Amino acid sequence: MNRHILSFIALGVFVLLAIGSTESSSSSVEHSETMAHIMCQDFVKNRLKAPRTAKFPRSSEARTTDLGNGRYRVISYVDAQNSFGALIRTRYACTVQYTGNDRWRLEALDFLE
């Protein structure tokens, strides 16, 4: 009987430690290069003629630079239809900053030739 109680207590401690480590790791990842890439995609979509046609590359294909203090610069491209319906590839450079509470601020967005 004591063996079962000790096993149950050990299992409970393990579960509590696992839950605690999951919560701390998820809350400590407030910003990342991947999230900066996703946020830049949202800012780019807001400026397209046909945002629903937008196709972006994977984040691994974008060039993302961590500028420090939650600031990132992303250089990538989007394929989207223009006002004539033609699919056009447009390169862009986007600088964003994580401001906390899952919020991002656009500092600069330039469409490159």
PDB file of N, CA and C in Angstrom:
ATOM      1  N   MET A   1       0.817  -1.186   0.000  1.00  0.00           N
ATOM      2  CA  MET A   1       0.000   0.000   0.000  1.00  0.00           C
ATOM      3  C   MET A   1       0.870   1.263   0.000  1.00  0.00           C
ATOM      4  N   ASN A   2       1.899   1.296   0.834  1.00  0.00           N
ATOM      5  CA  ASN A   2       2.792   2.459   0.868  1.00  0.00           C
ATOM      6  C   ASN A   2       3.459   2.688  -0.476  1.00  0.00           C
ATOM      7  N   ARG A   3       3.760   1.599  -1.162  1.00  0.00           N
ATOM      8  CA  ARG A   3       4.405   1.698  -2.472  1.00  0.00           C
ATOM      9  C   ARG A   3       3.497   2.406  -3.472  1.00  0.00           C
ATOM     10  N   HIS A   4       2.196   2.115  -3.436  1.00  0.00           N
ATOM     11  CA  HIS A   4       1.240   2.752  -4.333  1.00  0.00           C
ATOM     12  C   HIS A   4       1.076   4.238  -4.005  1.00  0.00           C
ATOM     13  N   ILE A   5       1.071   4.564  -2.740  1.00  0.00           N
ATOM     14  CA  ILE A   5       0.935   5.969  -2.326  1.00  0.00           C
ATOM     15  C   ILE A   5       2.158   6.755  -2.781  1.00  0.00           C
ATOM     16  N   LEU A   6       3.345   6.208  -2.590  1.00  0.00           N
ATOM     17  CA  LEU A   6       4.568   6.896  -3.015  1.00  0.00           C
ATOM     18  C   LEU A   6       4.594   7.070  -4.538  1.00  0.00           C
ATOM     19  N   SER A   7       4.156   6.053  -5.260  1.00  0.00           N
ATOM     20  CA  SER A   7       4.091   6.161  -6.719  1.00  0.00           C
ATOM     21  C   SER A   7       3.120   7.246  -7.137  1.00  0.00           C
ATOM     22  N   PHE A   8       1.975   7.307  -6.472  1.00  0.00           N
ATOM     23  CA  PHE A   8       0.974   8.316  -6.779  1.00  0.00           C
ATOM     24  C   PHE A   8       1.508   9.721  -6.488  1.00  0.00           C
ATOM     25  N   ILE A   9       2.177   9.908  -5.386  1.00  0.00           N
ATOM     26  CA  ILE A   9       2.753  11.213  -5.025  1.00  0.00           C
ATOM     27  C   ILE A   9       3.832  11.603  -6.037  1.00  0.00           C
ATOM     28  N   ALA A  10       4.688  10.651  -6.408  1.00  0.00           N
ATOM     29  CA  ALA A  10       5.741  10.940  -7.394  1.00  0.00           C
ATOM     30  C   ALA A  10       5.132  11.342  -8.732  1.00  0.00           C
ATOM     31  N   LEU A  11       4.079  10.654  -9.133  1.00  0.00           N
ATOM     32  CA  LEU A  11       3.406  10.995 -10.381  1.00  0.00           C
ATOM     33  C   LEU A  11       2.812  12.403 -10.296  1.00  0.00           C
ATOM     34  N   GLY A  12       2.204  12.737  -9.164  1.00  0.00           N
ATOM     35  CA  GLY A  12       1.624  14.071  -8.977  1.00  0.00           C
ATOM     36  C   GLY A  12       2.675  15.169  -9.056  1.00  0.00           C
ATOM     37  N   VAL A  13       3.819  14.937  -8.432  1.00  0.00           N
ATOM     38  CA  VAL A  13       4.907  15.917  -8.473  1.00  0.00           C
ATOM     39  C   VAL A  13       5.416  16.075  -9.904  1.00  0.00           C
ATOM     40  N   PHE A  14       5.563  14.969 -10.620  1.00  0.00           N
ATOM     41  CA  PHE A  14       6.014  15.021 -12.004  1.00  0.00           C
ATOM     42  C   PHE A  14       5.048  15.833 -12.862  1.00  0.00           C
ATOM     43  N   VAL A  15       3.742  15.596 -12.703  1.00  0.00           N
ATOM     44  CA  VAL A  15       2.738  16.324 -13.479  1.00  0.00           C
ATOM     45  C   VAL A  15       2.794  17.808 -13.156  1.00  0.00           C
ATOM     46  N   LEU A  16       2.898  18.163 -11.885  1.00  0.00           N
ATOM     47  CA  LEU A  16       2.977  19.582 -11.506  1.00  0.00           C
ATOM     48  C   LEU A  16       4.222  20.246 -12.090  1.00  0.00           C
ATOM     49  N   LEU A  17       5.348  19.553 -12.064  1.00  0.00           N
ATOM     50  CA  LEU A  17       6.570  20.117 -12.647  1.00  0.00           C
ATOM     51  C   LEU A  17       6.438  20.270 -14.153  1.00  0.00           C
ATOM     52  N   ALA A  18       5.813  19.298 -14.807  1.00  0.00           N
ATOM     53  CA  ALA A  18       5.629  19.374 -16.262  1.00  0.00           C
ATOM     54  C   ALA A  18       4.731  20.535 -16.632  1.00  0.00           C
ATOM     55  N   ILE A  19       3.649  20.733 -15.890  1.00  0.00           N
ATOM     56  CA  ILE A  19       2.738  21.851 -16.153  1.00  0.00           C
ATOM     57  C   ILE A  19       3.448  23.170 -15.915  1.00  0.00           C
ATOM     58  N   GLY A  20       4.199  23.270 -14.851  1.00  0.00           N
ATOM     59  CA  GLY A  20       4.921  24.504 -14.542  1.00  0.00           C
ATOM     60  C   GLY A  20       5.943  24.847 -15.605  1.00  0.00           C
ATOM     61  N   SER A  21       6.668  23.849 -16.111  1.00  0.00           N
ATOM     62  CA  SER A  21       7.678  24.140 -17.128  1.00  0.00           C
ATOM     63  C   SER A  21       7.029  24.509 -18.451  1.00  0.00           C
ATOM     64  N   THR A  22       5.862  23.940 -18.769  1.00  0.00           N
ATOM     65  CA  THR A  22       5.160  24.292 -20.005  1.00  0.00           C
ATOM     66  C   THR A  22       4.670  25.726 -19.938  1.00  0.00           C
ATOM     67  N   GLU A  23       4.112  26.126 -18.815  1.00  0.00           N
ATOM     68  CA  GLU A  23       3.614  27.493 -18.676  1.00  0.00           C
ATOM     69  C   GLU A  23       4.737  28.500 -18.744  1.00  0.00           C
ATOM     70  N   SER A  24       5.844  28.236 -18.071  1.00  0.00           N
ATOM     71  CA  SER A  24       6.931  29.209 -18.078  1.00  0.00           C
ATOM     72  C   SER A  24       7.577  29.313 -19.450  1.00  0.00           C
ATOM     73  N   SER A  25       7.695  28.188 -20.166  1.00  0.00           N
ATOM     74  CA  SER A  25       8.330  28.266 -21.482  1.00  0.00           C
ATOM     75  C   SER A  25       7.422  28.958 -22.486  1.00  0.00           C
ATOM     76  N   SER A  26       6.100  28.759 -22.411  1.00  0.00           N
ATOM     77  CA  SER A  26       5.217  29.408 -23.376  1.00  0.00           C
ATOM     78  C   SER A  26       5.097  30.899 -23.101  1.00  0.00           C
ATOM     79  N   SER A  27       5.159  31.300 -21.843  1.00  0.00           N
ATOM     80  CA  SER A  27       5.028  32.726 -21.559  1.00  0.00           C
ATOM     81  C   SER A  27       6.343  33.462 -21.794  1.00  0.00           C
ATOM     82  N   SER A  28       7.480  32.736 -21.775  1.00  0.00           N
ATOM     83  CA  SER A  28       8.754  33.412 -21.985  1.00  0.00           C
ATOM     84  C   SER A  28       9.024  33.655 -23.469  1.00  0.00           C
ATOM     85  N   VAL A  29       8.307  32.974 -24.358  1.00  0.00           N
ATOM     86  CA  VAL A  29       8.485  33.177 -25.789  1.00  0.00           C
ATOM     87  C   VAL A  29       7.452  34.212 -26.233  1.00  0.00           C
ATOM     88  N   GLU A  30       7.725  35.465 -25.918  1.00  0.00           N
ATOM     89  CA  GLU A  30       6.792  36.535 -26.253  1.00  0.00           C
ATOM     90  C   GLU A  30       6.998  37.012 -27.678  1.00  0.00           C
ATOM     91  N   HIS A  31       8.204  36.922 -28.154  1.00  0.00           N
ATOM     92  CA  HIS A  31       8.488  37.338 -29.521  1.00  0.00           C
ATOM     93  C   HIS A  31       9.597  36.462 -30.078  1.00  0.00           C
ATOM     94  N   SER A  32       9.591  36.336 -31.390  1.00  0.00           N
ATOM     95  CA  SER A  32      10.592  35.504 -32.054  1.00  0.00           C
ATOM     96  C   SER A  32      10.701  35.953 -33.500  1.00  0.00           C
ATOM     97  N   GLU A  33      11.702  35.440 -34.183  1.00  0.00           N
ATOM     98  CA  GLU A  33      11.865  35.754 -35.601  1.00  0.00           C
ATOM     99  C   GLU A  33      10.675  35.233 -36.398  1.00  0.00           C
ATOM    100  N   THR A  34      10.169  34.065 -36.028  1.00  0.00           N
ATOM    101  CA  THR A  34       9.015  33.508 -36.736  1.00  0.00           C
ATOM    102  C   THR A  34       7.781  34.385 -36.551  1.00  0.00           C
ATOM    103  N   MET A  35       7.545  34.848 -35.328  1.00  0.00           N
ATOM    104  CA  MET A  35       6.392  35.719 -35.082  1.00  0.00           C
ATOM    105  C   MET A  35       6.558  37.050 -35.813  1.00  0.00           C
ATOM    106  N   ALA A  36       7.766  37.568 -35.863  1.00  0.00           N
ATOM    107  CA  ALA A  36       8.008  38.812 -36.604  1.00  0.00           C
ATOM    108  C   ALA A  36       7.678  38.613 -38.076  1.00  0.00           C
ATOM    109  N   HIS A  37       8.049  37.465 -38.637  1.00  0.00           N
ATOM    110  CA  HIS A  37       7.755  37.159 -40.029  1.00  0.00           C
ATOM    111  C   HIS A  37       6.238  37.110 -40.255  1.00  0.00           C
ATOM    112  N   ILE A  38       5.522  36.472 -39.356  1.00  0.00           N
ATOM    113  CA  ILE A  38       4.064  36.372 -39.464  1.00  0.00           C
ATOM    114  C   ILE A  38       3.414  37.756 -39.359  1.00  0.00           C
ATOM    115  N   MET A  39       3.892  38.571 -38.446  1.00  0.00           N
ATOM    116  CA  MET A  39       3.318  39.917 -38.283  1.00  0.00           C
ATOM    117  C   MET A  39       3.595  40.771 -39.512  1.00  0.00           C
ATOM    118  N   CYS A  40       4.771  40.644 -40.083  1.00  0.00           N
ATOM    119  CA  CYS A  40       5.062  41.390 -41.315  1.00  0.00           C
ATOM    120  C   CYS A  40       4.134  40.952 -42.439  1.00  0.00           C
ATOM    121  N   GLN A  41       3.841  39.669 -42.511  1.00  0.00           N
ATOM    122  CA  GLN A  41       2.893  39.193 -43.518  1.00  0.00           C
ATOM    123  C   GLN A  41       1.536  39.874 -43.344  1.00  0.00           C
ATOM    124  N   ASP A  42       1.085  40.013 -42.112  1.00  0.00           N
ATOM    125  CA  ASP A  42      -0.199  40.689 -41.867  1.00  0.00           C
ATOM    126  C   ASP A  42      -0.150  42.149 -42.309  1.00  0.00           C
ATOM    127  N   PHE A  43       0.941  42.828 -41.997  1.00  0.00           N
ATOM    128  CA  PHE A  43       1.061  44.234 -42.393  1.00  0.00           C
ATOM    129  C   PHE A  43       1.113  44.368 -43.918  1.00  0.00           C
ATOM    130  N   VAL A  44       1.777  43.431 -44.589  1.00  0.00           N
ATOM    131  CA  VAL A  44       1.845  43.461 -46.050  1.00  0.00           C
ATOM    132  C   VAL A  44       0.460  43.207 -46.646  1.00  0.00           C
ATOM    133  N   LYS A  45      -0.247  42.200 -46.132  1.00  0.00           N
ATOM    134  CA  LYS A  45      -1.595  41.879 -46.640  1.00  0.00           C
ATOM    135  C   LYS A  45      -2.515  43.088 -46.586  1.00  0.00           C
ATOM    136  N   ASN A  46      -2.391  43.882 -45.521  1.00  0.00           N
ATOM    137  CA  ASN A  46      -3.249  45.066 -45.364  1.00  0.00           C
ATOM    138  C   ASN A  46      -3.027  46.098 -46.458  1.00  0.00           C
ATOM    139  N   ARG A  47      -1.935  45.992 -47.200  1.00  0.00           N
ATOM    140  CA  ARG A  47      -1.630  46.982 -48.238  1.00  0.00           C
ATOM    141  C   ARG A  47      -1.792  46.450 -49.660  1.00  0.00           C
ATOM    142  N   LEU A  48      -2.224  45.206 -49.785  1.00  0.00           N
ATOM    143  CA  LEU A  48      -2.374  44.604 -51.115  1.00  0.00           C
ATOM    144  C   LEU A  48      -3.741  44.900 -51.714  1.00  0.00           C
ATOM    145  N   LYS A  49      -3.802  44.918 -53.049  1.00  0.00           N
ATOM    146  CA  LYS A  49      -5.073  45.100 -53.769  1.00  0.00           C
ATOM    147  C   LYS A  49      -5.979  43.878 -53.572  1.00  0.00           C
ATOM    148  N   ALA A  50      -5.385  42.681 -53.564  1.00  0.00           N
ATOM    149  CA  ALA A  50      -6.146  41.434 -53.418  1.00  0.00           C
ATOM    150  C   ALA A  50      -5.495  40.583 -52.326  1.00  0.00           C
ATOM    151  N   PRO A  51      -5.684  40.948 -51.059  1.00  0.00           N
ATOM    152  CA  PRO A  51      -4.985  40.253 -49.969  1.00  0.00           C
ATOM    153  C   PRO A  51      -5.301  38.761 -49.871  1.00  0.00           C
ATOM    154  N   ARG A  52      -6.473  38.354 -50.326  1.00  0.00           N
ATOM    155  CA  ARG A  52      -6.833  36.929 -50.243  1.00  0.00           C
ATOM    156  C   ARG A  52      -6.022  36.072 -51.205  1.00  0.00           C
ATOM    157  N   THR A  53      -5.403  36.688 -52.186  1.00  0.00           N
ATOM    158  CA  THR A  53      -4.598  35.924 -53.144  1.00  0.00           C
ATOM    159  C   THR A  53      -3.136  35.825 -52.711  1.00  0.00           C
ATOM    160  N   ALA A  54      -2.785  36.432 -51.593  1.00  0.00           N
ATOM    161  CA  ALA A  54      -1.393  36.487 -51.144  1.00  0.00           C
ATOM    162  C   ALA A  54      -0.846  35.110 -50.809  1.00  0.00           C
ATOM    163  N   LYS A  55       0.331  34.841 -51.338  1.00  0.00           N
ATOM    164  CA  LYS A  55       1.070  33.615 -51.043  1.00  0.00           C
ATOM    165  C   LYS A  55       2.465  34.029 -50.594  1.00  0.00           C
ATOM    166  N   PHE A  56       2.810  33.649 -49.368  1.00  0.00           N
ATOM    167  CA  PHE A  56       4.106  33.993 -48.797  1.00  0.00           C
ATOM    168  C   PHE A  56       4.985  32.750 -48.708  1.00  0.00           C
ATOM    169  N   PRO A  57       6.301  32.936 -48.745  1.00  0.00           N
ATOM    170  CA  PRO A  57       7.197  31.784 -48.561  1.00  0.00           C
ATOM    171  C   PRO A  57       7.238  31.379 -47.083  1.00  0.00           C
ATOM    172  N   ARG A  58       7.803  30.220 -46.830  1.00  0.00           N
ATOM    173  CA  ARG A  58       8.009  29.794 -45.440  1.00  0.00           C
ATOM    174  C   ARG A  58       8.956  30.773 -44.758  1.00  0.00           C
ATOM    175  N   SER A  59       8.845  30.844 -43.433  1.00  0.00           N
ATOM    176  CA  SER A  59       9.701  31.778 -42.699  1.00  0.00           C
ATOM    177  C   SER A  59      11.181  31.447 -42.886  1.00  0.00           C
ATOM    178  N   SER A  60      11.502  30.191 -43.157  1.00  0.00           N
ATOM    179  CA  SER A  60      12.901  29.812 -43.368  1.00  0.00           C
ATOM    180  C   SER A  60      13.467  30.405 -44.658  1.00  0.00           C
ATOM    181  N   GLU A  61      12.596  30.802 -45.583  1.00  0.00           N
ATOM    182  CA  GLU A  61      13.048  31.404 -46.839  1.00  0.00           C
ATOM    183  C   GLU A  61      13.200  32.915 -46.729  1.00  0.00           C
ATOM    184  N   ALA A  62      12.667  33.504 -45.676  1.00  0.00           N
ATOM    185  CA  ALA A  62      12.795  34.947 -45.469  1.00  0.00           C
ATOM    186  C   ALA A  62      14.114  35.228 -44.749  1.00  0.00           C
ATOM    187  N   ARG A  63      14.609  36.427 -44.897  1.00  0.00           N
ATOM    188  CA  ARG A  63      15.804  36.844 -44.163  1.00  0.00           C
ATOM    189  C   ARG A  63      15.344  37.723 -43.007  1.00  0.00           C
ATOM    190  N   THR A  64      15.456  37.201 -41.801  1.00  0.00           N
ATOM    191  CA  THR A  64      15.000  37.922 -40.616  1.00  0.00           C
ATOM    192  C   THR A  64      16.192  38.230 -39.736  1.00  0.00           C
ATOM    193  N   THR A  65      16.274  39.480 -39.297  1.00  0.00           N
ATOM    194  CA  THR A  65      17.368  39.929 -38.450  1.00  0.00           C
ATOM    195  C   THR A  65      16.803  40.419 -37.125  1.00  0.00           C
ATOM    196  N   ASP A  66      17.329  39.891 -36.031  1.00  0.00           N
ATOM    197  CA  ASP A  66      16.955  40.357 -34.693  1.00  0.00           C
ATOM    198  C   ASP A  66      17.761  41.620 -34.406  1.00  0.00           C
ATOM    199  N   LEU A  67      17.076  42.754 -34.288  1.00  0.00           N
ATOM    200  CA  LEU A  67      17.744  44.038 -34.062  1.00  0.00           C
ATOM    201  C   LEU A  67      17.888  44.359 -32.582  1.00  0.00           C
ATOM    202  N   GLY A  68      17.359  43.488 -31.719  1.00  0.00           N
ATOM    203  CA  GLY A  68      17.426  43.703 -30.274  1.00  0.00           C
ATOM    204  C   GLY A  68      16.213  44.466 -29.769  1.00  0.00           C
ATOM    205  N   ASN A  69      15.968  44.364 -28.488  1.00  0.00           N
ATOM    206  CA  ASN A  69      14.843  45.045 -27.836  1.00  0.00           C
ATOM    207  C   ASN A  69      13.494  44.728 -28.482  1.00  0.00           C
ATOM    208  N   GLY A  70      13.325  43.486 -28.946  1.00  0.00           N
ATOM    209  CA  GLY A  70      12.056  43.086 -29.547  1.00  0.00           C
ATOM    210  C   GLY A  70      11.830  43.608 -30.952  1.00  0.00           C
ATOM    211  N   ARG A  71      12.873  44.143 -31.580  1.00  0.00           N
ATOM    212  CA  ARG A  71      12.765  44.678 -32.945  1.00  0.00           C
ATOM    213  C   ARG A  71      13.342  43.676 -33.939  1.00  0.00           C
ATOM    214  N   TYR A  72      12.670  43.538 -35.076  1.00  0.00           N
ATOM    215  CA  TYR A  72      13.098  42.609 -36.121  1.00  0.00           C
ATOM    216  C   TYR A  72      12.948  43.273 -37.479  1.00  0.00           C
ATOM    217  N   ARG A  73      13.841  42.891 -38.387  1.00  0.00           N
ATOM    218  CA  ARG A  73      13.744  43.319 -39.789  1.00  0.00           C
ATOM    219  C   ARG A  73      13.600  42.062 -40.628  1.00  0.00           C
ATOM    220  N   VAL A  74      12.550  42.045 -41.447  1.00  0.00           N
ATOM    221  CA  VAL A  74      12.247  40.892 -42.293  1.00  0.00           C
ATOM    222  C   VAL A  74      12.322  41.329 -43.746  1.00  0.00           C
ATOM    223  N   ILE A  75      13.070  40.598 -44.543  1.00  0.00           N
ATOM    224  CA  ILE A  75      13.127  40.831 -45.983  1.00  0.00           C
ATOM    225  C   ILE A  75      12.611  39.557 -46.640  1.00  0.00           C
ATOM    226  N   SER A  76      11.557  39.706 -47.422  1.00  0.00           N
ATOM    227  CA  SER A  76      10.917  38.551 -48.021  1.00  0.00           C
ATOM    228  C   SER A  76      10.159  38.992 -49.270  1.00  0.00           C
ATOM    229  N   TYR A  77       9.193  38.183 -49.694  1.00  0.00           N
ATOM    230  CA  TYR A  77       8.376  38.527 -50.862  1.00  0.00           C
ATOM    231  C   TYR A  77       6.970  37.975 -50.678  1.00  0.00           C
ATOM    232  N   VAL A  78       6.073  38.469 -51.510  1.00  0.00           N
ATOM    233  CA  VAL A  78       4.702  37.972 -51.560  1.00  0.00           C
ATOM    234  C   VAL A  78       4.305  37.849 -53.031  1.00  0.00           C
ATOM    235  N   ASP A  79       3.609  36.787 -53.352  1.00  0.00           N
ATOM    236  CA  ASP A  79       2.995  36.626 -54.663  1.00  0.00           C
ATOM    237  C   ASP A  79       1.512  36.918 -54.487  1.00  0.00           C
ATOM    238  N   ALA A  80       0.996  37.909 -55.212  1.00  0.00           N
ATOM    239  CA  ALA A  80      -0.419  38.277 -55.089  1.00  0.00           C
ATOM    240  C   ALA A  80      -0.880  38.909 -56.390  1.00  0.00           C
ATOM    241  N   GLN A  81      -2.185  38.876 -56.593  1.00  0.00           N
ATOM    242  CA  GLN A  81      -2.753  39.475 -57.799  1.00  0.00           C
ATOM    243  C   GLN A  81      -2.755  40.995 -57.671  1.00  0.00           C
ATOM    244  N   ASN A  82      -2.471  41.653 -58.792  1.00  0.00           N
ATOM    245  CA  ASN A  82      -2.583  43.109 -58.841  1.00  0.00           C
ATOM    246  C   ASN A  82      -4.012  43.476 -59.250  1.00  0.00           C
ATOM    247  N   SER A  83      -4.264  44.744 -59.498  1.00  0.00           N
ATOM    248  CA  SER A  83      -5.623  45.183 -59.827  1.00  0.00           C
ATOM    249  C   SER A  83      -6.116  44.646 -61.175  1.00  0.00           C
ATOM    250  N   PHE A  84      -5.207  44.136 -62.013  1.00  0.00           N
ATOM    251  CA  PHE A  84      -5.594  43.550 -63.299  1.00  0.00           C
ATOM    252  C   PHE A  84      -5.763  42.033 -63.211  1.00  0.00           C
ATOM    253  N   GLY A  85      -5.514  41.458 -62.045  1.00  0.00           N
ATOM    254  CA  GLY A  85      -5.655  40.024 -61.856  1.00  0.00           C
ATOM    255  C   GLY A  85      -4.403  39.222 -62.159  1.00  0.00           C
ATOM    256  N   ALA A  86      -3.333  39.902 -62.513  1.00  0.00           N
ATOM    257  CA  ALA A  86      -2.074  39.210 -62.801  1.00  0.00           C
ATOM    258  C   ALA A  86      -1.341  38.912 -61.494  1.00  0.00           C
ATOM    259  N   LEU A  87      -0.773  37.727 -61.395  1.00  0.00           N
ATOM    260  CA  LEU A  87      -0.015  37.347 -60.210  1.00  0.00           C
ATOM    261  C   LEU A  87       1.376  37.972 -60.291  1.00  0.00           C
ATOM    262  N   ILE A  88       1.693  38.783 -59.310  1.00  0.00           N
ATOM    263  CA  ILE A  88       2.945  39.547 -59.295  1.00  0.00           C
ATOM    264  C   ILE A  88       3.722  39.203 -58.021  1.00  0.00           C
ATOM    265  N   ARG A  89       5.036  39.030 -58.152  1.00  0.00           N
ATOM    266  CA  ARG A  89       5.894  38.842 -56.980  1.00  0.00           C
ATOM    267  C   ARG A  89       6.450  40.201 -56.575  1.00  0.00           C
ATOM    268  N   THR A  90       6.275  40.519 -55.311  1.00  0.00           N
ATOM    269  CA  THR A  90       6.749  41.794 -54.781  1.00  0.00           C
ATOM    270  C   THR A  90       7.631  41.533 -53.569  1.00  0.00           C
ATOM    271  N   ARG A  91       8.845  42.036 -53.618  1.00  0.00           N
ATOM    272  CA  ARG A  91       9.764  41.932 -52.481  1.00  0.00           C
ATOM    273  C   ARG A  91       9.465  43.068 -51.509  1.00  0.00           C
ATOM    274  N   TYR A  92       9.679  42.805 -50.232  1.00  0.00           N
ATOM    275  CA  TYR A  92       9.440  43.846 -49.224  1.00  0.00           C
ATOM    276  C   TYR A  92      10.451  43.743 -48.090  1.00  0.00           C
ATOM    277  N   ALA A  93      10.620  44.863 -47.406  1.00  0.00           N
ATOM    278  CA  ALA A  93      11.431  44.935 -46.193  1.00  0.00           C
ATOM    279  C   ALA A  93      10.530  45.517 -45.109  1.00  0.00           C
ATOM    280  N   CYS A  94      10.463  44.839 -44.007  1.00  0.00           N
ATOM    281  CA  CYS A  94       9.535  45.206 -42.939  1.00  0.00           C
ATOM    282  C   CYS A  94      10.289  45.234 -41.614  1.00  0.00           C
ATOM    283  N   THR A  95      10.085  46.273 -40.841  1.00  0.00           N
ATOM    284  CA  THR A  95      10.669  46.353 -39.500  1.00  0.00           C
ATOM    285  C   THR A  95       9.528  46.471 -38.507  1.00  0.00           C
ATOM    286  N   VAL A  96       9.508  45.538 -37.541  1.00  0.00           N
ATOM    287  CA  VAL A  96       8.462  45.507 -36.523  1.00  0.00           C
ATOM    288  C   VAL A  96       9.098  45.461 -35.137  1.00  0.00           C
ATOM    289  N   GLN A  97       8.299  45.844 -34.148  1.00  0.00           N
ATOM    290  CA  GLN A  97       8.757  45.757 -32.766  1.00  0.00           C
ATOM    291  C   GLN A  97       7.661  45.145 -31.916  1.00  0.00           C
ATOM    292  N   TYR A  98       8.054  44.183 -31.080  1.00  0.00           N
ATOM    293  CA  TYR A  98       7.124  43.589 -30.133  1.00  0.00           C
ATOM    294  C   TYR A  98       6.965  44.559 -28.966  1.00  0.00           C
ATOM    295  N   THR A  99       5.715  44.946 -28.660  1.00  0.00           N
ATOM    296  CA  THR A  99       5.473  45.934 -27.604  1.00  0.00           C
ATOM    297  C   THR A  99       4.875  45.313 -26.343  1.00  0.00           C
ATOM    298  N   GLY A 100       4.693  44.003 -26.343  1.00  0.00           N
ATOM    299  CA  GLY A 100       4.155  43.304 -25.180  1.00  0.00           C
ATOM    300  C   GLY A 100       2.696  42.952 -25.365  1.00  0.00           C
ATOM    301  N   ASN A 101       2.232  42.020 -24.544  1.00  0.00           N
ATOM    302  CA  ASN A 101       0.829  41.580 -24.580  1.00  0.00           C
ATOM    303  C   ASN A 101       0.377  41.161 -25.972  1.00  0.00           C
ATOM    304  N   ASP A 102       1.208  40.407 -26.669  1.00  0.00           N
ATOM    305  CA  ASP A 102       0.907  39.911 -28.028  1.00  0.00           C
ATOM    306  C   ASP A 102       0.653  41.030 -29.025  1.00  0.00           C
ATOM    307  N   ARG A 103       1.241  42.174 -28.839  1.00  0.00           N
ATOM    308  CA  ARG A 103       1.064  43.306 -29.757  1.00  0.00           C
ATOM    309  C   ARG A 103       2.392  43.629 -30.436  1.00  0.00           C
ATOM    310  N   TRP A 104       2.251  43.992 -31.716  1.00  0.00           N
ATOM    311  CA  TRP A 104       3.403  44.360 -32.532  1.00  0.00           C
ATOM    312  C   TRP A 104       3.139  45.710 -33.176  1.00  0.00           C
ATOM    313  N   ARG A 105       4.201  46.484 -33.325  1.00  0.00           N
ATOM    314  CA  ARG A 105       4.098  47.796 -33.964  1.00  0.00           C
ATOM    315  C   ARG A 105       4.935  47.773 -35.239  1.00  0.00           C
ATOM    316  N   LEU A 106       4.341  48.276 -36.310  1.00  0.00           N
ATOM    317  CA  LEU A 106       5.060  48.398 -37.577  1.00  0.00           C
ATOM    318  C   LEU A 106       5.893  49.664 -37.531  1.00  0.00           C
ATOM    319  N   GLU A 107       7.198  49.515 -37.728  1.00  0.00           N
ATOM    320  CA  GLU A 107       8.080  50.686 -37.778  1.00  0.00           C
ATOM    321  C   GLU A 107       8.303  51.148 -39.202  1.00  0.00           C
ATOM    322  N   ALA A 108       8.448  50.195 -40.116  1.00  0.00           N
ATOM    323  CA  ALA A 108       8.691  50.545 -41.518  1.00  0.00           C
ATOM    324  C   ALA A 108       8.274  49.385 -42.409  1.00  0.00           C
ATOM    325  N   LEU A 109       7.729  49.722 -43.565  1.00  0.00           N
ATOM    326  CA  LEU A 109       7.399  48.728 -44.584  1.00  0.00           C
ATOM    327  C   LEU A 109       7.697  49.337 -45.931  1.00  0.00           C
ATOM    328  N   ASP A 110       8.662  48.746 -46.628  1.00  0.00           N
ATOM    329  CA  ASP A 110       9.071  49.234 -47.936  1.00  0.00           C
ATOM    330  C   ASP A 110       8.917  48.109 -48.953  1.00  0.00           C
ATOM    331  N   PHE A 111       8.244  48.437 -50.074  1.00  0.00           N
ATOM    332  CA  PHE A 111       8.150  47.483 -51.176  1.00  0.00           C
ATOM    333  C   PHE A 111       9.327  47.753 -52.087  1.00  0.00           C
ATOM    334  N   LEU A 112      10.094  46.712 -52.372  1.00  0.00           N
ATOM    335  CA  LEU A 112      11.356  46.846 -53.110  1.00  0.00           C
ATOM    336  C   LEU A 112      11.151  46.548 -54.581  1.00  0.00           C
ATOM    337  N   GLU A 113      11.952  47.143 -55.405  1.00  0.00           N
ATOM    338  CA  GLU A 113      11.872  46.917 -56.850  1.00  0.00           C
ATOM    339  C   GLU A 113      12.803  45.822 -57.286  1.00  0.00           C
TER     340      GLU A 113
END
